Amino acid sequence: MLIGYARVSTADQNPDLQIDALRQAGCERVFSEIASGVRTQRAGLTDALSHARENDVFVVWKLDRLGRTVRQLVDFVSALRSRGVEFRSLTDGIDTTTPAGRFFFHMMAALAEMERDLIRERTMAGLAAARARGRKGGRKRALSGRQIAQARLLLKHPEQTMEGIAASLGVSRSTLYRSLSRDGLTTQP
């Protein structure tokens, strides 16, 4: 069975062009929805996928109706194929039921993997360059050195509690413990 999926991003757009093309391609069931392509959880797409069975073909008018990145598309089609469902994009000429379509899909997968590796390389090079300039990555520490010193002084007074000190510094008790124990410091006064 051919299962069609159409999507438009906003209510002022009309999915009729997509729906007509899907029906003309022979789709027995067509699911459509209004949803942003950014959203990964879409009710119409979930509904369409729930009707797809082994040996069915999932059909879209154009690839961008499914996702915004090559990686998203590759993951989506891989998930379909693992369920025994083939994939077809009408305007992009992709049809995984044919050898040429499977080849094209594998080329897309290889390009997505290369893209991911290049992003990783650029990220690592950027981090190394930042470290060479003396920058540290990561999240800013919740307590400054002065605040930690103040907390240690307050801990010397028996009437002070960790909860009270943490509250006065505007952090949780676990953050205070973590800050005091960092760099070999202990919570002992």
N, C-alpha and C. Protein backbone atom coordinates (compact mmCIF):
# COMPACT_ATOMS: atom_id res chain seq x y z
N MET A 1 0.85 -1.18 0.00
CA MET A 1 0.00 0.00 0.00
C MET A 1 0.89 1.24 0.00
N LEU A 2 0.48 2.26 -0.72
CA LEU A 2 1.18 3.54 -0.73
C LEU A 2 0.50 4.45 0.29
N ILE A 3 1.29 4.97 1.21
CA ILE A 3 0.78 5.87 2.25
C ILE A 3 1.41 7.24 2.04
N GLY A 4 0.58 8.25 1.86
CA GLY A 4 1.06 9.59 1.59
C GLY A 4 1.06 10.46 2.82
N TYR A 5 1.99 11.41 2.84
CA TYR A 5 2.06 12.38 3.94
C TYR A 5 2.32 13.76 3.35
N ALA A 6 1.45 14.71 3.71
CA ALA A 6 1.58 16.09 3.25
C ALA A 6 1.65 16.99 4.48
N ARG A 7 2.47 18.05 4.38
CA ARG A 7 2.58 18.99 5.50
C ARG A 7 2.78 20.39 4.98
N VAL A 8 2.09 21.33 5.60
CA VAL A 8 2.34 22.75 5.38
C VAL A 8 2.70 23.36 6.73
N SER A 9 3.43 24.45 6.71
CA SER A 9 3.95 25.03 7.95
C SER A 9 2.97 25.93 8.67
N THR A 10 2.15 26.65 7.92
CA THR A 10 1.24 27.61 8.55
C THR A 10 -0.18 27.42 8.03
N ALA A 11 -1.13 27.94 8.78
CA ALA A 11 -2.55 27.79 8.43
C ALA A 11 -2.91 28.51 7.14
N ASP A 12 -2.16 29.54 6.76
CA ASP A 12 -2.49 30.24 5.52
C ASP A 12 -1.94 29.54 4.28
N GLN A 13 -1.20 28.44 4.45
CA GLN A 13 -0.73 27.65 3.32
C GLN A 13 -1.75 26.54 3.05
N ASN A 14 -1.76 26.05 1.84
CA ASN A 14 -2.74 25.05 1.44
C ASN A 14 -2.03 23.77 0.99
N PRO A 15 -2.37 22.61 1.58
CA PRO A 15 -1.71 21.36 1.22
C PRO A 15 -2.31 20.67 -0.01
N ASP A 16 -3.28 21.30 -0.69
CA ASP A 16 -3.97 20.65 -1.80
C ASP A 16 -3.04 20.18 -2.91
N LEU A 17 -2.05 20.97 -3.27
CA LEU A 17 -1.09 20.58 -4.31
C LEU A 17 -0.41 19.26 -3.95
N GLN A 18 0.05 19.18 -2.69
CA GLN A 18 0.72 17.95 -2.24
C GLN A 18 -0.25 16.76 -2.23
N ILE A 19 -1.44 16.98 -1.69
CA ILE A 19 -2.43 15.90 -1.57
C ILE A 19 -2.82 15.39 -2.95
N ASP A 20 -3.04 16.31 -3.91
CA ASP A 20 -3.39 15.90 -5.27
C ASP A 20 -2.27 15.07 -5.90
N ALA A 21 -1.03 15.51 -5.73
CA ALA A 21 0.11 14.78 -6.29
C ALA A 21 0.23 13.39 -5.66
N LEU A 22 0.01 13.29 -4.35
CA LEU A 22 0.09 12.00 -3.67
C LEU A 22 -1.00 11.05 -4.15
N ARG A 23 -2.20 11.58 -4.32
CA ARG A 23 -3.31 10.74 -4.81
C ARG A 23 -3.05 10.30 -6.26
N GLN A 24 -2.52 11.20 -7.06
CA GLN A 24 -2.22 10.88 -8.44
C GLN A 24 -1.11 9.81 -8.52
N ALA A 25 -0.22 9.80 -7.54
CA ALA A 25 0.85 8.80 -7.50
C ALA A 25 0.34 7.44 -7.04
N GLY A 26 -0.92 7.39 -6.60
CA GLY A 26 -1.51 6.11 -6.22
C GLY A 26 -1.62 5.87 -4.72
N CYS A 27 -1.44 6.89 -3.91
CA CYS A 27 -1.54 6.72 -2.46
C CYS A 27 -2.98 6.40 -2.08
N GLU A 28 -3.16 5.31 -1.37
CA GLU A 28 -4.49 4.90 -0.91
C GLU A 28 -4.91 5.67 0.33
N ARG A 29 -3.96 5.97 1.19
CA ARG A 29 -4.23 6.77 2.39
C ARG A 29 -3.31 7.98 2.33
N VAL A 30 -3.86 9.16 2.60
CA VAL A 30 -3.07 10.38 2.62
C VAL A 30 -3.34 11.09 3.95
N PHE A 31 -2.28 11.40 4.66
CA PHE A 31 -2.36 12.11 5.94
C PHE A 31 -1.76 13.49 5.73
N SER A 32 -2.42 14.51 6.26
CA SER A 32 -1.87 15.87 6.12
C SER A 32 -2.00 16.60 7.44
N GLU A 33 -1.17 17.62 7.59
CA GLU A 33 -1.22 18.41 8.81
C GLU A 33 -0.59 19.77 8.59
N ILE A 34 -0.87 20.65 9.54
CA ILE A 34 -0.25 21.97 9.59
C ILE A 34 0.69 21.93 10.78
N ALA A 35 1.99 21.95 10.51
CA ALA A 35 2.99 21.88 11.59
C ALA A 35 4.32 22.40 11.06
N SER A 36 5.07 23.03 11.91
CA SER A 36 6.39 23.53 11.56
C SER A 36 7.35 22.36 11.32
N GLY A 37 8.25 22.54 10.38
CA GLY A 37 9.25 21.52 10.10
C GLY A 37 10.27 21.38 11.22
N VAL A 38 10.34 22.37 12.09
CA VAL A 38 11.27 22.30 13.21
C VAL A 38 10.83 21.24 14.21
N ARG A 39 9.51 21.10 14.38
CA ARG A 39 8.98 20.14 15.35
C ARG A 39 9.26 18.72 14.89
N THR A 40 9.84 17.91 15.76
CA THR A 40 10.10 16.52 15.41
C THR A 40 8.91 15.63 15.75
N GLN A 41 8.11 16.04 16.71
CA GLN A 41 6.91 15.29 17.08
C GLN A 41 5.71 15.94 16.39
N ARG A 42 5.18 15.26 15.39
CA ARG A 42 4.03 15.76 14.65
C ARG A 42 2.95 14.70 14.64
N ALA A 43 1.73 15.08 15.05
CA ALA A 43 0.63 14.13 15.18
C ALA A 43 0.27 13.48 13.85
N GLY A 44 0.22 14.26 12.78
CA GLY A 44 -0.12 13.70 11.47
C GLY A 44 0.92 12.71 10.98
N LEU A 45 2.18 13.03 11.18
CA LEU A 45 3.25 12.11 10.77
C LEU A 45 3.20 10.84 11.60
N THR A 46 2.98 10.97 12.89
CA THR A 46 2.88 9.80 13.77
C THR A 46 1.71 8.92 13.33
N ASP A 47 0.59 9.54 13.00
CA ASP A 47 -0.58 8.79 12.55
C ASP A 47 -0.29 8.06 11.24
N ALA A 48 0.35 8.75 10.30
CA ALA A 48 0.70 8.12 9.02
C ALA A 48 1.63 6.94 9.22
N LEU A 49 2.63 7.12 10.08
CA LEU A 49 3.58 6.03 10.33
C LEU A 49 2.92 4.84 11.01
N SER A 50 1.90 5.10 11.84
CA SER A 50 1.23 4.00 12.53
C SER A 50 0.46 3.11 11.55
N HIS A 51 0.14 3.63 10.36
CA HIS A 51 -0.57 2.85 9.36
C HIS A 51 0.37 2.10 8.41
N ALA A 52 1.66 2.43 8.45
CA ALA A 52 2.63 1.80 7.55
C ALA A 52 2.99 0.41 8.05
N ARG A 53 2.86 -0.56 7.17
CA ARG A 53 3.19 -1.96 7.47
C ARG A 53 4.30 -2.42 6.54
N GLU A 54 4.85 -3.58 6.84
CA GLU A 54 5.90 -4.15 6.02
C GLU A 54 5.44 -4.24 4.56
N ASN A 55 6.32 -3.91 3.65
CA ASN A 55 6.10 -3.89 2.20
C ASN A 55 5.28 -2.69 1.72
N ASP A 56 4.89 -1.78 2.62
CA ASP A 56 4.23 -0.55 2.21
C ASP A 56 5.28 0.44 1.74
N VAL A 57 4.83 1.50 1.08
CA VAL A 57 5.72 2.57 0.64
C VAL A 57 5.20 3.88 1.22
N PHE A 58 6.08 4.58 1.94
CA PHE A 58 5.74 5.88 2.53
C PHE A 58 6.12 6.94 1.50
N VAL A 59 5.15 7.77 1.11
CA VAL A 59 5.36 8.72 0.00
C VAL A 59 5.18 10.15 0.49
N VAL A 60 6.11 11.02 0.10
CA VAL A 60 5.97 12.46 0.35
C VAL A 60 6.11 13.19 -0.98
N TRP A 61 5.57 14.38 -1.04
CA TRP A 61 5.66 15.19 -2.24
C TRP A 61 7.09 15.67 -2.44
N LYS A 62 7.73 16.09 -1.33
CA LYS A 62 9.09 16.62 -1.39
C LYS A 62 9.79 16.31 -0.06
N LEU A 63 11.09 16.11 -0.11
CA LEU A 63 11.86 15.74 1.09
C LEU A 63 11.71 16.72 2.24
N ASP A 64 11.64 18.01 1.92
CA ASP A 64 11.59 19.00 3.00
C ASP A 64 10.29 18.95 3.80
N ARG A 65 9.34 18.15 3.37
CA ARG A 65 8.11 17.96 4.14
C ARG A 65 8.37 17.09 5.37
N LEU A 66 9.49 16.37 5.39
CA LEU A 66 9.81 15.47 6.51
C LEU A 66 10.76 16.09 7.52
N GLY A 67 11.80 16.76 7.06
CA GLY A 67 12.79 17.28 8.00
C GLY A 67 13.60 18.38 7.38
N ARG A 68 14.41 19.00 8.21
CA ARG A 68 15.19 20.14 7.74
C ARG A 68 16.64 19.80 7.44
N THR A 69 17.13 18.69 7.98
CA THR A 69 18.53 18.35 7.76
C THR A 69 18.63 17.00 7.07
N VAL A 70 19.75 16.80 6.41
CA VAL A 70 20.00 15.52 5.75
C VAL A 70 20.02 14.42 6.79
N ARG A 71 20.60 14.70 7.93
CA ARG A 71 20.67 13.68 8.98
C ARG A 71 19.28 13.24 9.43
N GLN A 72 18.36 14.19 9.62
CA GLN A 72 16.99 13.84 9.99
C GLN A 72 16.36 12.94 8.95
N LEU A 73 16.56 13.28 7.68
CA LEU A 73 15.97 12.49 6.60
C LEU A 73 16.56 11.09 6.55
N VAL A 74 17.86 11.00 6.68
CA VAL A 74 18.53 9.70 6.65
C VAL A 74 18.03 8.84 7.81
N ASP A 75 17.95 9.42 8.99
CA ASP A 75 17.45 8.67 10.15
C ASP A 75 16.01 8.22 9.94
N PHE A 76 15.20 9.10 9.37
CA PHE A 76 13.79 8.77 9.14
C PHE A 76 13.67 7.60 8.17
N VAL A 77 14.36 7.68 7.04
CA VAL A 77 14.26 6.61 6.03
C VAL A 77 14.88 5.32 6.56
N SER A 78 15.94 5.41 7.35
CA SER A 78 16.53 4.21 7.95
C SER A 78 15.54 3.53 8.89
N ALA A 79 14.81 4.32 9.67
CA ALA A 79 13.81 3.76 10.58
C ALA A 79 12.70 3.07 9.78
N LEU A 80 12.30 3.69 8.67
CA LEU A 80 11.29 3.05 7.82
C LEU A 80 11.79 1.72 7.28
N ARG A 81 13.01 1.74 6.76
CA ARG A 81 13.55 0.52 6.14
C ARG A 81 13.73 -0.59 7.16
N SER A 82 14.04 -0.23 8.42
CA SER A 82 14.19 -1.27 9.45
C SER A 82 12.85 -1.94 9.75
N ARG A 83 11.75 -1.25 9.43
CA ARG A 83 10.41 -1.82 9.61
C ARG A 83 9.92 -2.50 8.33
N GLY A 84 10.75 -2.51 7.28
CA GLY A 84 10.35 -3.13 6.02
C GLY A 84 9.50 -2.21 5.16
N VAL A 85 9.50 -0.92 5.46
CA VAL A 85 8.72 0.06 4.71
C VAL A 85 9.68 0.82 3.79
N GLU A 86 9.32 0.93 2.53
CA GLU A 86 10.13 1.66 1.56
C GLU A 86 9.74 3.14 1.58
N PHE A 87 10.48 3.96 0.82
CA PHE A 87 10.26 5.40 0.84
C PHE A 87 10.31 5.94 -0.58
N ARG A 88 9.47 6.95 -0.84
CA ARG A 88 9.45 7.61 -2.15
C ARG A 88 9.19 9.10 -1.96
N SER A 89 9.98 9.91 -2.65
CA SER A 89 9.75 11.36 -2.70
C SER A 89 9.45 11.69 -4.15
N LEU A 90 8.26 12.24 -4.40
CA LEU A 90 7.80 12.44 -5.77
C LEU A 90 8.63 13.45 -6.56
N THR A 91 8.88 14.63 -5.99
CA THR A 91 9.58 15.67 -6.76
C THR A 91 11.10 15.52 -6.73
N ASP A 92 11.63 14.78 -5.75
CA ASP A 92 13.08 14.63 -5.65
C ASP A 92 13.58 13.37 -6.36
N GLY A 93 12.67 12.54 -6.83
CA GLY A 93 13.08 11.35 -7.58
C GLY A 93 13.74 10.28 -6.74
N ILE A 94 13.43 10.21 -5.47
CA ILE A 94 14.00 9.18 -4.61
C ILE A 94 12.96 8.09 -4.41
N ASP A 95 13.36 6.86 -4.68
CA ASP A 95 12.46 5.72 -4.54
C ASP A 95 13.30 4.53 -4.09
N THR A 96 13.22 4.18 -2.80
CA THR A 96 14.08 3.11 -2.27
C THR A 96 13.61 1.72 -2.70
N THR A 97 12.53 1.65 -3.50
CA THR A 97 12.12 0.34 -4.03
C THR A 97 12.95 -0.02 -5.26
N THR A 98 13.74 0.94 -5.78
CA THR A 98 14.59 0.67 -6.95
C THR A 98 16.06 0.69 -6.54
N PRO A 99 16.91 -0.02 -7.30
CA PRO A 99 18.35 0.00 -6.99
C PRO A 99 18.93 1.42 -7.05
N ALA A 100 18.51 2.22 -8.04
CA ALA A 100 19.03 3.59 -8.15
C ALA A 100 18.59 4.43 -6.95
N GLY A 101 17.37 4.24 -6.51
CA GLY A 101 16.87 4.98 -5.35
C GLY A 101 17.61 4.61 -4.08
N ARG A 102 17.88 3.32 -3.91
CA ARG A 102 18.65 2.89 -2.73
C ARG A 102 20.06 3.46 -2.78
N PHE A 103 20.67 3.47 -3.99
CA PHE A 103 22.01 4.03 -4.15
C PHE A 103 22.01 5.51 -3.77
N PHE A 104 21.02 6.26 -4.27
CA PHE A 104 20.95 7.67 -3.96
C PHE A 104 20.78 7.89 -2.46
N PHE A 105 19.95 7.06 -1.84
CA PHE A 105 19.76 7.17 -0.39
C PHE A 105 21.07 6.92 0.35
N HIS A 106 21.82 5.90 -0.06
CA HIS A 106 23.10 5.62 0.60
C HIS A 106 24.10 6.76 0.39
N MET A 107 24.05 7.40 -0.76
CA MET A 107 24.91 8.57 -0.99
C MET A 107 24.52 9.70 -0.04
N MET A 108 23.21 9.90 0.15
CA MET A 108 22.75 10.91 1.11
C MET A 108 23.25 10.58 2.51
N ALA A 109 23.18 9.30 2.89
CA ALA A 109 23.64 8.88 4.21
C ALA A 109 25.13 9.16 4.37
N ALA A 110 25.90 8.87 3.33
CA ALA A 110 27.35 9.11 3.39
C ALA A 110 27.64 10.61 3.51
N LEU A 111 26.89 11.43 2.78
CA LEU A 111 27.08 12.88 2.88
C LEU A 111 26.70 13.39 4.26
N ALA A 112 25.64 12.84 4.84
CA ALA A 112 25.23 13.25 6.19
C ALA A 112 26.30 12.88 7.20
N GLU A 113 26.88 11.71 7.05
CA GLU A 113 27.94 11.29 7.97
C GLU A 113 29.16 12.19 7.82
N MET A 114 29.52 12.53 6.58
CA MET A 114 30.65 13.41 6.35
C MET A 114 30.37 14.79 6.95
N GLU A 115 29.15 15.28 6.78
CA GLU A 115 28.77 16.57 7.35
C GLU A 115 28.92 16.56 8.87
N ARG A 116 28.47 15.47 9.50
CA ARG A 116 28.58 15.34 10.95
C ARG A 116 30.05 15.33 11.38
N ASP A 117 30.90 14.61 10.64
CA ASP A 117 32.33 14.54 10.97
C ASP A 117 33.00 15.91 10.80
N LEU A 118 32.64 16.63 9.75
CA LEU A 118 33.22 17.96 9.53
C LEU A 118 32.82 18.92 10.64
N ILE A 119 31.57 18.86 11.06
CA ILE A 119 31.11 19.70 12.17
C ILE A 119 31.89 19.38 13.43
N ARG A 120 32.09 18.07 13.69
CA ARG A 120 32.85 17.66 14.88
C ARG A 120 34.28 18.18 14.80
N GLU A 121 34.93 18.06 13.63
CA GLU A 121 36.30 18.55 13.47
C GLU A 121 36.39 20.05 13.71
N ARG A 122 35.45 20.80 13.13
CA ARG A 122 35.47 22.26 13.32
C ARG A 122 35.25 22.63 14.78
N THR A 123 34.36 21.91 15.44
CA THR A 123 34.09 22.18 16.85
C THR A 123 35.34 21.93 17.69
N MET A 124 35.99 20.80 17.46
CA MET A 124 37.19 20.46 18.22
C MET A 124 38.31 21.47 17.95
N ALA A 125 38.46 21.90 16.70
CA ALA A 125 39.48 22.89 16.37
C ALA A 125 39.17 24.22 17.06
N GLY A 126 37.92 24.61 17.08
CA GLY A 126 37.52 25.85 17.75
C GLY A 126 37.78 25.80 19.24
N LEU A 127 37.47 24.65 19.86
CA LEU A 127 37.73 24.50 21.30
C LEU A 127 39.22 24.54 21.60
N ALA A 128 40.02 23.89 20.76
CA ALA A 128 41.48 23.90 20.95
C ALA A 128 42.02 25.33 20.82
N ALA A 129 41.53 26.07 19.83
CA ALA A 129 41.98 27.46 19.65
C ALA A 129 41.58 28.31 20.84
N ALA A 130 40.39 28.11 21.37
CA ALA A 130 39.94 28.87 22.53
C ALA A 130 40.79 28.54 23.75
N ARG A 131 41.11 27.26 23.95
CA ARG A 131 41.98 26.87 25.07
C ARG A 131 43.36 27.48 24.93
N ALA A 132 43.88 27.54 23.71
CA ALA A 132 45.20 28.13 23.48
C ALA A 132 45.20 29.62 23.82
N ARG A 133 44.04 30.27 23.70
CA ARG A 133 43.92 31.69 24.07
C ARG A 133 43.58 31.86 25.54
N GLY A 134 43.54 30.75 26.30
CA GLY A 134 43.29 30.84 27.73
C GLY A 134 41.84 30.75 28.14
N ARG A 135 40.96 30.49 27.22
CA ARG A 135 39.54 30.37 27.56
C ARG A 135 39.22 28.96 28.02
N LYS A 136 38.32 28.90 28.96
CA LYS A 136 37.83 27.62 29.42
C LYS A 136 36.41 27.45 28.94
N GLY A 137 36.07 26.24 28.58
CA GLY A 137 34.71 25.97 28.16
C GLY A 137 33.86 25.61 29.36
N GLY A 138 32.62 25.38 29.11
CA GLY A 138 31.73 24.92 30.16
C GLY A 138 30.92 26.04 30.77
N ARG A 139 30.16 25.62 31.71
CA ARG A 139 29.23 26.51 32.37
C ARG A 139 29.94 27.36 33.42
N LYS A 140 29.46 28.58 33.59
CA LYS A 140 30.03 29.46 34.59
C LYS A 140 29.74 28.88 35.98
N ARG A 141 30.71 28.98 36.86
CA ARG A 141 30.54 28.45 38.21
C ARG A 141 29.49 29.24 38.98
N ALA A 142 28.72 28.50 39.78
CA ALA A 142 27.62 29.12 40.53
C ALA A 142 28.13 30.04 41.63
N LEU A 143 29.25 29.70 42.25
CA LEU A 143 29.80 30.50 43.34
C LEU A 143 31.20 30.97 43.00
N SER A 144 31.47 32.21 43.31
CA SER A 144 32.81 32.75 43.10
C SER A 144 33.72 32.29 44.24
N GLY A 145 35.00 32.52 44.07
CA GLY A 145 35.96 32.17 45.11
C GLY A 145 35.68 32.92 46.41
N ARG A 146 35.25 34.17 46.28
CA ARG A 146 34.92 34.97 47.46
C ARG A 146 33.72 34.39 48.20
N GLN A 147 32.71 33.94 47.45
CA GLN A 147 31.52 33.35 48.07
C GLN A 147 31.86 32.03 48.76
N ILE A 148 32.74 31.25 48.15
CA ILE A 148 33.16 29.99 48.78
C ILE A 148 33.91 30.26 50.07
N ALA A 149 34.79 31.28 50.05
CA ALA A 149 35.52 31.66 51.26
C ALA A 149 34.55 32.13 52.35
N GLN A 150 33.53 32.88 51.96
CA GLN A 150 32.51 33.33 52.91
C GLN A 150 31.77 32.13 53.49
N ALA A 151 31.43 31.16 52.66
CA ALA A 151 30.73 29.97 53.14
C ALA A 151 31.61 29.20 54.13
N ARG A 152 32.89 29.10 53.86
CA ARG A 152 33.81 28.38 54.76
C ARG A 152 33.89 29.10 56.11
N LEU A 153 33.88 30.43 56.09
CA LEU A 153 33.89 31.19 57.35
C LEU A 153 32.61 30.96 58.12
N LEU A 154 31.47 30.96 57.43
CA LEU A 154 30.19 30.74 58.09
C LEU A 154 30.10 29.34 58.70
N LEU A 155 30.73 28.36 58.05
CA LEU A 155 30.70 26.98 58.56
C LEU A 155 31.44 26.83 59.89
N LYS A 156 32.30 27.77 60.21
CA LYS A 156 33.04 27.70 61.48
C LYS A 156 32.14 27.97 62.67
N HIS A 157 31.00 28.59 62.42
CA HIS A 157 30.05 28.88 63.49
C HIS A 157 29.08 27.71 63.62
N PRO A 158 29.00 27.12 64.81
CA PRO A 158 28.16 25.92 64.99
C PRO A 158 26.67 26.15 64.74
N GLU A 159 26.21 27.39 64.88
CA GLU A 159 24.77 27.64 64.68
C GLU A 159 24.39 27.70 63.20
N GLN A 160 25.38 27.78 62.32
CA GLN A 160 25.11 27.84 60.87
C GLN A 160 24.90 26.43 60.30
N THR A 161 23.92 26.32 59.40
CA THR A 161 23.68 25.04 58.73
C THR A 161 24.00 25.19 57.25
N MET A 162 24.22 24.06 56.61
CA MET A 162 24.48 24.08 55.17
C MET A 162 23.29 24.66 54.42
N GLU A 163 22.09 24.30 54.86
CA GLU A 163 20.88 24.81 54.21
C GLU A 163 20.81 26.33 54.31
N GLY A 164 21.11 26.86 55.51
CA GLY A 164 21.06 28.30 55.73
C GLY A 164 22.12 29.03 54.92
N ILE A 165 23.31 28.49 54.88
CA ILE A 165 24.40 29.12 54.11
C ILE A 165 24.06 29.11 52.62
N ALA A 166 23.59 27.94 52.14
CA ALA A 166 23.23 27.83 50.72
C ALA A 166 22.14 28.82 50.37
N ALA A 167 21.13 28.95 51.23
CA ALA A 167 20.04 29.89 50.97
C ALA A 167 20.55 31.32 50.94
N SER A 168 21.47 31.67 51.84
CA SER A 168 21.99 33.04 51.86
C SER A 168 22.82 33.36 50.61
N LEU A 169 23.41 32.32 50.01
CA LEU A 169 24.19 32.52 48.78
C LEU A 169 23.34 32.36 47.52
N GLY A 170 22.09 31.92 47.69
CA GLY A 170 21.20 31.78 46.54
C GLY A 170 21.46 30.55 45.69
N VAL A 171 21.98 29.48 46.33
CA VAL A 171 22.22 28.23 45.60
C VAL A 171 21.62 27.08 46.39
N SER A 172 21.60 25.91 45.77
CA SER A 172 21.10 24.74 46.48
C SER A 172 22.19 24.18 47.39
N ARG A 173 21.78 23.33 48.32
CA ARG A 173 22.74 22.72 49.24
C ARG A 173 23.75 21.87 48.47
N SER A 174 23.27 21.12 47.45
CA SER A 174 24.20 20.27 46.69
C SER A 174 25.22 21.11 45.93
N THR A 175 24.81 22.28 45.42
CA THR A 175 25.76 23.17 44.73
C THR A 175 26.81 23.66 45.71
N LEU A 176 26.39 23.99 46.93
CA LEU A 176 27.34 24.44 47.94
C LEU A 176 28.33 23.32 48.29
N TYR A 177 27.82 22.10 48.51
CA TYR A 177 28.72 20.98 48.79
C TYR A 177 29.72 20.78 47.66
N ARG A 178 29.22 20.82 46.41
CA ARG A 178 30.09 20.60 45.25
C ARG A 178 31.16 21.69 45.17
N SER A 179 30.77 22.93 45.42
CA SER A 179 31.71 24.05 45.35
C SER A 179 32.78 23.95 46.44
N LEU A 180 32.37 23.52 47.63
CA LEU A 180 33.33 23.39 48.72
C LEU A 180 34.29 22.22 48.52
N SER A 181 33.81 21.17 47.88
CA SER A 181 34.67 20.00 47.71
C SER A 181 35.54 20.08 46.46
N ARG A 182 35.27 21.02 45.57
CA ARG A 182 36.06 21.18 44.36
C ARG A 182 37.49 21.57 44.71
N ASP A 183 38.41 21.12 43.96
CA ASP A 183 39.84 21.44 44.13
C ASP A 183 40.37 20.97 45.47
N GLY A 184 39.86 19.88 45.97
CA GLY A 184 40.39 19.29 47.19
C GLY A 184 39.93 19.92 48.47
N LEU A 185 39.08 20.94 48.40
CA LEU A 185 38.56 21.54 49.60
C LEU A 185 37.54 20.60 50.24
N THR A 186 37.41 20.65 51.51
CA THR A 186 36.42 19.83 52.19
C THR A 186 35.39 20.73 52.85
N THR A 187 34.34 20.12 53.32
CA THR A 187 33.29 20.92 53.99
C THR A 187 33.63 21.13 55.45
N GLN A 188 34.75 20.62 55.90
CA GLN A 188 35.15 20.82 57.29
C GLN A 188 35.67 22.23 57.47
N PRO A 189 35.29 22.92 58.55
CA PRO A 189 35.75 24.30 58.75
C PRO A 189 37.24 24.37 59.05
